[in-house]
């Protein structure tokens, strides 16, 4: 396997690990009101959005999955990639 392919595989593995281990149950903790996070619904949809308080509701942006009424977990957005 080439060094470039190995680096790509490592990046994919890191992203998979991040997306499968960083979820926070909304019963345990909520993000800061208005802070952009990833949100996860009980039907398996993932989107970008934020928690709004006062009002205690979720707002969703930019992804096609509609899930704001069924949010069960959230996580911080990953750091953006760096150019090398």
PDB file of N, CA and C in Angstrom:
ATOM      1  N   UNK A   1       0.853  -1.175   0.000  1.00  0.00           N
ATOM      2  CA  UNK A   1       0.000   0.000   0.000  1.00  0.00           C
ATOM      3  C   UNK A   1       0.900   1.239   0.000  1.00  0.00           C
ATOM      4  N   UNK A   2       0.568   2.211  -0.843  1.00  0.00           N
ATOM      5  CA  UNK A   2       1.377   3.416  -0.920  1.00  0.00           C
ATOM      6  C   UNK A   2       1.185   4.279   0.321  1.00  0.00           C
ATOM      7  N   UNK A   3       2.153   5.154   0.545  1.00  0.00           N
ATOM      8  CA  UNK A   3       2.083   6.056   1.701  1.00  0.00           C
ATOM      9  C   UNK A   3       0.843   6.938   1.615  1.00  0.00           C
ATOM     10  N   UNK A   4       0.506   7.415   0.411  1.00  0.00           N
ATOM     11  CA  UNK A   4      -0.673   8.276   0.231  1.00  0.00           C
ATOM     12  C   UNK A   4      -1.959   7.516   0.561  1.00  0.00           C
ATOM     13  N   UNK A   5      -2.063   6.275   0.084  1.00  0.00           N
ATOM     14  CA  UNK A   5      -3.252   5.470   0.395  1.00  0.00           C
ATOM     15  C   UNK A   5      -3.349   5.187   1.886  1.00  0.00           C
ATOM     16  N   UNK A   6      -2.221   4.922   2.515  1.00  0.00           N
ATOM     17  CA  UNK A   6      -2.200   4.663   3.956  1.00  0.00           C
ATOM     18  C   UNK A   6      -2.644   5.894   4.735  1.00  0.00           C
ATOM     19  N   UNK A   7      -2.179   7.080   4.329  1.00  0.00           N
ATOM     20  CA  UNK A   7      -2.595   8.324   4.989  1.00  0.00           C
ATOM     21  C   UNK A   7      -4.095   8.549   4.835  1.00  0.00           C
ATOM     22  N   UNK A   8      -4.628   8.276   3.639  1.00  0.00           N
ATOM     23  CA  UNK A   8      -6.067   8.435   3.396  1.00  0.00           C
ATOM     24  C   UNK A   8      -6.862   7.473   4.263  1.00  0.00           C
ATOM     25  N   UNK A   9      -6.401   6.232   4.365  1.00  0.00           N
ATOM     26  CA  UNK A   9      -7.092   5.249   5.199  1.00  0.00           C
ATOM     27  C   UNK A   9      -7.056   5.669   6.664  1.00  0.00           C
ATOM     28  N   UNK A  10      -5.934   6.200   7.129  1.00  0.00           N
ATOM     29  CA  UNK A  10      -5.834   6.678   8.513  1.00  0.00           C
ATOM     30  C   UNK A  10      -6.807   7.821   8.772  1.00  0.00           C
ATOM     31  N   UNK A  11      -6.934   8.739   7.822  1.00  0.00           N
ATOM     32  CA  UNK A  11      -7.866   9.852   7.977  1.00  0.00           C
ATOM     33  C   UNK A  11      -9.310   9.351   8.044  1.00  0.00           C
ATOM     34  N   UNK A  12      -9.649   8.379   7.214  1.00  0.00           N
ATOM     35  CA  UNK A  12     -11.008   7.807   7.241  1.00  0.00           C
ATOM     36  C   UNK A  12     -11.270   7.126   8.578  1.00  0.00           C
ATOM     37  N   UNK A  13     -10.290   6.397   9.086  1.00  0.00           N
ATOM     38  CA  UNK A  13     -10.444   5.732  10.378  1.00  0.00           C
ATOM     39  C   UNK A  13     -10.614   6.738  11.510  1.00  0.00           C
ATOM     40  N   UNK A  14      -9.862   7.847  11.461  1.00  0.00           N
ATOM     41  CA  UNK A  14      -9.987   8.891  12.479  1.00  0.00           C
ATOM     42  C   UNK A  14     -11.377   9.509  12.442  1.00  0.00           C
ATOM     43  N   UNK A  15     -11.899   9.786  11.242  1.00  0.00           N
ATOM     44  CA  UNK A  15     -13.231  10.369  11.110  1.00  0.00           C
ATOM     45  C   UNK A  15     -14.292   9.399  11.627  1.00  0.00           C
ATOM     46  N   UNK A  16     -14.166   8.118  11.289  1.00  0.00           N
ATOM     47  CA  UNK A  16     -15.118   7.118  11.770  1.00  0.00           C
ATOM     48  C   UNK A  16     -15.113   7.058  13.293  1.00  0.00           C
ATOM     49  N   UNK A  17     -13.933   7.045  13.878  1.00  0.00           N
ATOM     50  CA  UNK A  17     -13.825   7.001  15.338  1.00  0.00           C
ATOM     51  C   UNK A  17     -14.467   8.230  15.966  1.00  0.00           C
ATOM     52  N   UNK A  18     -14.188   9.400  15.412  1.00  0.00           N
ATOM     53  CA  UNK A  18     -14.774  10.630  15.927  1.00  0.00           C
ATOM     54  C   UNK A  18     -16.299  10.577  15.877  1.00  0.00           C
ATOM     55  N   UNK A  19     -16.839  10.148  14.743  1.00  0.00           N
ATOM     56  CA  UNK A  19     -18.287  10.165  14.563  1.00  0.00           C
ATOM     57  C   UNK A  19     -19.003   9.068  15.337  1.00  0.00           C
ATOM     58  N   UNK A  20     -18.292   8.054  15.800  1.00  0.00           N
ATOM     59  CA  UNK A  20     -18.957   6.976  16.521  1.00  0.00           C
ATOM     60  C   UNK A  20     -18.671   6.985  18.013  1.00  0.00           C
ATOM     61  N   UNK A  21     -17.813   7.862  18.493  1.00  0.00           N
ATOM     62  CA  UNK A  21     -17.488   7.857  19.919  1.00  0.00           C
ATOM     63  C   UNK A  21     -17.749   9.174  20.622  1.00  0.00           C
ATOM     64  N   UNK A  22     -18.038  10.226  19.915  1.00  0.00           N
ATOM     65  CA  UNK A  22     -18.151  11.535  20.540  1.00  0.00           C
ATOM     66  C   UNK A  22     -19.564  12.016  20.838  1.00  0.00           C
ATOM     67  N   UNK A  23     -20.574  11.156  20.687  1.00  0.00           N
ATOM     68  CA  UNK A  23     -21.957  11.582  20.880  1.00  0.00           C
ATOM     69  C   UNK A  23     -22.290  11.726  22.357  1.00  0.00           C
ATOM     70  N   UNK A  24     -23.017  12.791  22.685  1.00  0.00           N
ATOM     71  CA  UNK A  24     -23.430  13.085  24.062  1.00  0.00           C
ATOM     72  C   UNK A  24     -24.947  12.973  24.137  1.00  0.00           C
ATOM     73  N   UNK A  25     -25.443  12.178  25.051  1.00  0.00           N
ATOM     74  CA  UNK A  25     -26.876  11.990  25.261  1.00  0.00           C
ATOM     75  C   UNK A  25     -27.472  13.300  25.766  1.00  0.00           C
ATOM     76  N   UNK A  26     -28.585  13.761  25.160  1.00  0.00           N
ATOM     77  CA  UNK A  26     -29.185  15.029  25.589  1.00  0.00           C
ATOM     78  C   UNK A  26     -29.762  14.946  26.996  1.00  0.00           C
ATOM     79  N   UNK A  27     -29.971  13.712  27.494  1.00  0.00           N
ATOM     80  CA  UNK A  27     -30.435  13.547  28.873  1.00  0.00           C
ATOM     81  C   UNK A  27     -29.311  13.857  29.868  1.00  0.00           C
ATOM     82  N   UNK A  28     -28.056  13.771  29.421  1.00  0.00           N
ATOM     83  CA  UNK A  28     -26.911  14.007  30.302  1.00  0.00           C
ATOM     84  C   UNK A  28     -26.372  15.432  30.201  1.00  0.00           C
ATOM     85  N   UNK A  29     -26.441  16.008  28.990  1.00  0.00           N
ATOM     86  CA  UNK A  29     -25.867  17.341  28.789  1.00  0.00           C
ATOM     87  C   UNK A  29     -26.421  17.948  27.505  1.00  0.00           C
ATOM     88  N   UNK A  30     -26.560  19.265  27.504  1.00  0.00           N
ATOM     89  CA  UNK A  30     -26.983  19.993  26.309  1.00  0.00           C
ATOM     90  C   UNK A  30     -25.886  20.974  25.918  1.00  0.00           C
ATOM     91  N   UNK A  31     -25.750  21.250  24.627  1.00  0.00           N
ATOM     92  CA  UNK A  31     -24.745  22.237  24.219  1.00  0.00           C
ATOM     93  C   UNK A  31     -25.162  23.641  24.628  1.00  0.00           C
ATOM     94  N   UNK A  32     -24.228  24.537  24.607  1.00  0.00           N
ATOM     95  CA  UNK A  32     -24.503  25.948  24.866  1.00  0.00           C
ATOM     96  C   UNK A  32     -25.545  26.433  23.851  1.00  0.00           C
ATOM     97  N   UNK A  33     -26.503  27.207  24.282  1.00  0.00           N
ATOM     98  CA  UNK A  33     -27.551  27.710  23.407  1.00  0.00           C
ATOM     99  C   UNK A  33     -26.960  28.487  22.237  1.00  0.00           C
ATOM    100  N   UNK A  34     -27.360  28.115  21.019  1.00  0.00           N
ATOM    101  CA  UNK A  34     -26.916  28.801  19.814  1.00  0.00           C
ATOM    102  C   UNK A  34     -25.610  28.302  19.229  1.00  0.00           C
ATOM    103  N   UNK A  35     -24.914  27.398  19.908  1.00  0.00           N
ATOM    104  CA  UNK A  35     -23.629  26.883  19.425  1.00  0.00           C
ATOM    105  C   UNK A  35     -23.869  25.825  18.352  1.00  0.00           C
ATOM    106  N   UNK A  36     -23.176  25.937  17.234  1.00  0.00           N
ATOM    107  CA  UNK A  36     -23.306  25.002  16.128  1.00  0.00           C
ATOM    108  C   UNK A  36     -22.692  23.646  16.508  1.00  0.00           C
ATOM    109  N   UNK A  37     -23.485  22.568  16.383  1.00  0.00           N
ATOM    110  CA  UNK A  37     -23.047  21.211  16.717  1.00  0.00           C
ATOM    111  C   UNK A  37     -23.644  20.236  15.706  1.00  0.00           C
ATOM    112  N   UNK A  38     -23.206  18.983  15.744  1.00  0.00           N
ATOM    113  CA  UNK A  38     -23.875  17.918  15.010  1.00  0.00           C
ATOM    114  C   UNK A  38     -24.988  17.382  15.898  1.00  0.00           C
ATOM    115  N   UNK A  39     -26.139  17.093  15.297  1.00  0.00           N
ATOM    116  CA  UNK A  39     -27.256  16.536  16.055  1.00  0.00           C
ATOM    117  C   UNK A  39     -27.664  15.210  15.428  1.00  0.00           C
ATOM    118  N   UNK A  40     -28.112  14.290  16.268  1.00  0.00           N
ATOM    119  CA  UNK A  40     -28.453  12.929  15.862  1.00  0.00           C
ATOM    120  C   UNK A  40     -29.873  12.610  16.314  1.00  0.00           C
ATOM    121  N   UNK A  41     -30.647  11.993  15.417  1.00  0.00           N
ATOM    122  CA  UNK A  41     -32.037  11.671  15.764  1.00  0.00           C
ATOM    123  C   UNK A  41     -32.199  10.189  16.049  1.00  0.00           C
ATOM    124  N   UNK A  42     -33.291   9.842  16.687  1.00  0.00           N
ATOM    125  CA  UNK A  42     -33.524   8.438  17.023  1.00  0.00           C
ATOM    126  C   UNK A  42     -33.738   7.577  15.788  1.00  0.00           C
ATOM    127  N   UNK A  43     -34.034   8.185  14.636  1.00  0.00           N
ATOM    128  CA  UNK A  43     -34.157   7.399  13.404  1.00  0.00           C
ATOM    129  C   UNK A  43     -32.826   7.283  12.658  1.00  0.00           C
ATOM    130  N   UNK A  44     -31.730   7.775  13.254  1.00  0.00           N
ATOM    131  CA  UNK A  44     -30.404   7.634  12.660  1.00  0.00           C
ATOM    132  C   UNK A  44     -29.949   8.784  11.797  1.00  0.00           C
ATOM    133  N   UNK A  45     -30.754   9.836  11.659  1.00  0.00           N
ATOM    134  CA  UNK A  45     -30.353  10.990  10.858  1.00  0.00           C
ATOM    135  C   UNK A  45     -29.341  11.858  11.581  1.00  0.00           C
ATOM    136  N   UNK A  46     -28.438  12.458  10.818  1.00  0.00           N
ATOM    137  CA  UNK A  46     -27.426  13.360  11.362  1.00  0.00           C
ATOM    138  C   UNK A  46     -27.520  14.680  10.611  1.00  0.00           C
ATOM    139  N   UNK A  47     -27.411  15.785  11.338  1.00  0.00           N
ATOM    140  CA  UNK A  47     -27.466  17.104  10.716  1.00  0.00           C
ATOM    141  C   UNK A  47     -26.644  18.090  11.537  1.00  0.00           C
ATOM    142  N   UNK A  48     -26.422  19.240  10.964  1.00  0.00           N
ATOM    143  CA  UNK A  48     -25.778  20.346  11.668  1.00  0.00           C
ATOM    144  C   UNK A  48     -26.880  21.243  12.203  1.00  0.00           C
ATOM    145  N   UNK A  49     -26.726  21.723  13.422  1.00  0.00           N
ATOM    146  CA  UNK A  49     -27.747  22.581  13.994  1.00  0.00           C
ATOM    147  C   UNK A  49     -27.326  23.128  15.334  1.00  0.00           C
ATOM    148  N   UNK A  50     -28.299  23.589  16.108  1.00  0.00           N
ATOM    149  CA  UNK A  50     -28.005  24.123  17.432  1.00  0.00           C
ATOM    150  C   UNK A  50     -29.215  23.941  18.342  1.00  0.00           C
ATOM    151  N   UNK A  51     -28.944  23.979  19.624  1.00  0.00           N
ATOM    152  CA  UNK A  51     -29.987  23.948  20.645  1.00  0.00           C
ATOM    153  C   UNK A  51     -30.324  25.391  20.983  1.00  0.00           C
ATOM    154  N   UNK A  52     -31.598  25.704  21.098  1.00  0.00           N
ATOM    155  CA  UNK A  52     -32.033  27.068  21.414  1.00  0.00           C
ATOM    156  C   UNK A  52     -32.736  27.099  22.765  1.00  0.00           C
ATOM    157  N   UNK A  53     -32.227  27.950  23.626  1.00  0.00           N
ATOM    158  CA  UNK A  53     -32.845  28.151  24.930  1.00  0.00           C
ATOM    159  C   UNK A  53     -32.748  29.633  25.242  1.00  0.00           C
ATOM    160  N   UNK A  54     -33.791  30.397  25.528  1.00  0.00           N
ATOM    161  CA  UNK A  54     -35.108  29.911  25.904  1.00  0.00           C
ATOM    162  C   UNK A  54     -35.850  29.301  24.714  1.00  0.00           C
ATOM    163  N   UNK A  55     -36.824  28.510  25.046  1.00  0.00           N
ATOM    164  CA  UNK A  55     -37.644  27.834  24.060  1.00  0.00           C
ATOM    165  C   UNK A  55     -37.433  26.340  24.043  1.00  0.00           C
ATOM    166  N   UNK A  56     -36.250  25.896  24.450  1.00  0.00           N
ATOM    167  CA  UNK A  56     -35.908  24.487  24.533  1.00  0.00           C
ATOM    168  C   UNK A  56     -36.276  23.746  23.249  1.00  0.00           C
ATOM    169  N   UNK A  57     -35.647  24.136  22.130  1.00  0.00           N
ATOM    170  CA  UNK A  57     -35.869  23.445  20.868  1.00  0.00           C
ATOM    171  C   UNK A  57     -34.571  23.372  20.086  1.00  0.00           C
ATOM    172  N   UNK A  58     -34.552  22.493  19.097  1.00  0.00           N
ATOM    173  CA  UNK A  58     -33.395  22.306  18.227  1.00  0.00           C
ATOM    174  C   UNK A  58     -33.677  22.965  16.889  1.00  0.00           C
ATOM    175  N   UNK A  59     -32.673  23.623  16.339  1.00  0.00           N
ATOM    176  CA  UNK A  59     -32.760  24.233  15.017  1.00  0.00           C
ATOM    177  C   UNK A  59     -31.763  23.497  14.127  1.00  0.00           C
ATOM    178  N   UNK A  60     -32.155  23.179  12.922  1.00  0.00           N
ATOM    179  CA  UNK A  60     -31.312  22.408  12.011  1.00  0.00           C
ATOM    180  C   UNK A  60     -30.940  23.248  10.800  1.00  0.00           C
ATOM    181  N   UNK A  61     -29.682  23.068  10.320  1.00  0.00           N
ATOM    182  CA  UNK A  61     -29.233  23.777   9.124  1.00  0.00           C
ATOM    183  C   UNK A  61     -28.548  22.828   8.157  1.00  0.00           C
ATOM    184  N   UNK A  62     -28.591  23.159   6.903  1.00  0.00           N
ATOM    185  CA  UNK A  62     -27.755  22.683   5.807  1.00  0.00           C
ATOM    186  C   UNK A  62     -27.776  21.211   5.438  1.00  0.00           C
ATOM    187  N   UNK A  63     -28.436  20.350   6.130  1.00  0.00           N
ATOM    188  CA  UNK A  63     -28.469  18.940   5.738  1.00  0.00           C
ATOM    189  C   UNK A  63     -29.902  18.564   5.412  1.00  0.00           C
ATOM    190  N   UNK A  64     -30.078  17.566   4.575  1.00  0.00           N
ATOM    191  CA  UNK A  64     -31.413  17.183   4.131  1.00  0.00           C
ATOM    192  C   UNK A  64     -32.191  16.362   5.153  1.00  0.00           C
ATOM    193  N   UNK A  65     -31.508  15.695   6.072  1.00  0.00           N
ATOM    194  CA  UNK A  65     -32.205  14.880   7.071  1.00  0.00           C
ATOM    195  C   UNK A  65     -33.027  15.784   7.975  1.00  0.00           C
ATOM    196  N   UNK A  66     -34.328  15.543   8.058  1.00  0.00           N
ATOM    197  CA  UNK A  66     -35.183  16.322   8.944  1.00  0.00           C
ATOM    198  C   UNK A  66     -35.304  15.582  10.262  1.00  0.00           C
ATOM    199  N   UNK A  67     -34.823  16.205  11.345  1.00  0.00           N
ATOM    200  CA  UNK A  67     -34.785  15.474  12.605  1.00  0.00           C
ATOM    201  C   UNK A  67     -34.911  16.343  13.837  1.00  0.00           C
ATOM    202  N   UNK A  68     -35.278  17.583  13.715  1.00  0.00           N
ATOM    203  CA  UNK A  68     -35.247  18.476  14.872  1.00  0.00           C
ATOM    204  C   UNK A  68     -36.191  18.084  15.999  1.00  0.00           C
ATOM    205  N   UNK A  69     -37.258  17.342  15.718  1.00  0.00           N
ATOM    206  CA  UNK A  69     -38.187  16.957  16.789  1.00  0.00           C
ATOM    207  C   UNK A  69     -37.764  15.690  17.518  1.00  0.00           C
ATOM    208  N   UNK A  70     -36.768  14.993  17.000  1.00  0.00           N
ATOM    209  CA  UNK A  70     -36.395  13.686  17.520  1.00  0.00           C
ATOM    210  C   UNK A  70     -34.926  13.617  17.947  1.00  0.00           C
ATOM    211  N   UNK A  71     -34.304  14.723  18.288  1.00  0.00           N
ATOM    212  CA  UNK A  71     -32.882  14.722  18.639  1.00  0.00           C
ATOM    213  C   UNK A  71     -32.667  13.934  19.931  1.00  0.00           C
ATOM    214  N   UNK A  72     -31.689  13.008  19.886  1.00  0.00           N
ATOM    215  CA  UNK A  72     -31.357  12.207  21.065  1.00  0.00           C
ATOM    216  C   UNK A  72     -29.932  12.462  21.547  1.00  0.00           C
ATOM    217  N   UNK A  73     -29.029  12.863  20.620  1.00  0.00           N
ATOM    218  CA  UNK A  73     -27.619  13.062  20.948  1.00  0.00           C
ATOM    219  C   UNK A  73     -27.069  14.255  20.166  1.00  0.00           C
ATOM    220  N   UNK A  74     -25.947  14.760  20.633  1.00  0.00           N
ATOM    221  CA  UNK A  74     -25.264  15.840  19.930  1.00  0.00           C
ATOM    222  C   UNK A  74     -23.756  15.656  20.121  1.00  0.00           C
ATOM    223  N   UNK A  75     -22.974  16.343  19.292  1.00  0.00           N
ATOM    224  CA  UNK A  75     -21.524  16.328  19.466  1.00  0.00           C
ATOM    225  C   UNK A  75     -20.923  17.595  18.885  1.00  0.00           C
ATOM    226  N   UNK A  76     -19.753  17.943  19.389  1.00  0.00           N
ATOM    227  CA  UNK A  76     -19.014  19.093  18.864  1.00  0.00           C
ATOM    228  C   UNK A  76     -18.672  18.844  17.403  1.00  0.00           C
ATOM    229  N   UNK A  77     -18.608  19.918  16.607  1.00  0.00           N
ATOM    230  CA  UNK A  77     -18.147  19.783  15.241  1.00  0.00           C
ATOM    231  C   UNK A  77     -16.658  19.438  15.243  1.00  0.00           C
ATOM    232  N   UNK A  78     -16.217  18.597  14.310  1.00  0.00           N
ATOM    233  CA  UNK A  78     -14.786  18.298  14.252  1.00  0.00           C
ATOM    234  C   UNK A  78     -14.005  19.526  13.792  1.00  0.00           C
ATOM    235  N   UNK A  79     -12.725  19.546  14.093  1.00  0.00           N
ATOM    236  CA  UNK A  79     -11.876  20.628  13.613  1.00  0.00           C
ATOM    237  C   UNK A  79     -11.767  20.528  12.103  1.00  0.00           C
ATOM    238  N   UNK A  80     -11.701  21.665  11.412  1.00  0.00           N
ATOM    239  CA  UNK A  80     -11.600  21.615   9.960  1.00  0.00           C
ATOM    240  C   UNK A  80     -10.252  21.029   9.531  1.00  0.00           C
ATOM    241  N   UNK A  81     -10.171  20.486   8.319  1.00  0.00           N
ATOM    242  CA  UNK A  81      -8.905  19.924   7.855  1.00  0.00           C
ATOM    243  C   UNK A  81      -7.867  21.015   7.648  1.00  0.00           C
ATOM    244  N   UNK A  82      -6.634  20.612   7.705  1.00  0.00           N
ATOM    245  CA  UNK A  82      -5.549  21.549   7.435  1.00  0.00           C
ATOM    246  C   UNK A  82      -4.971  21.235   6.068  1.00  0.00           C
ATOM    247  N   UNK A  83      -4.568  22.260   5.362  1.00  0.00           N
ATOM    248  CA  UNK A  83      -3.940  22.064   4.049  1.00  0.00           C
ATOM    249  C   UNK A  83      -2.458  21.846   4.253  1.00  0.00           C
ATOM    250  N   UNK A  84      -1.916  20.893   3.522  1.00  0.00           N
ATOM    251  CA  UNK A  84      -0.477  20.634   3.662  1.00  0.00           C
ATOM    252  C   UNK A  84       0.241  20.818   2.363  1.00  0.00           C
TER     253      UNK A  84
END
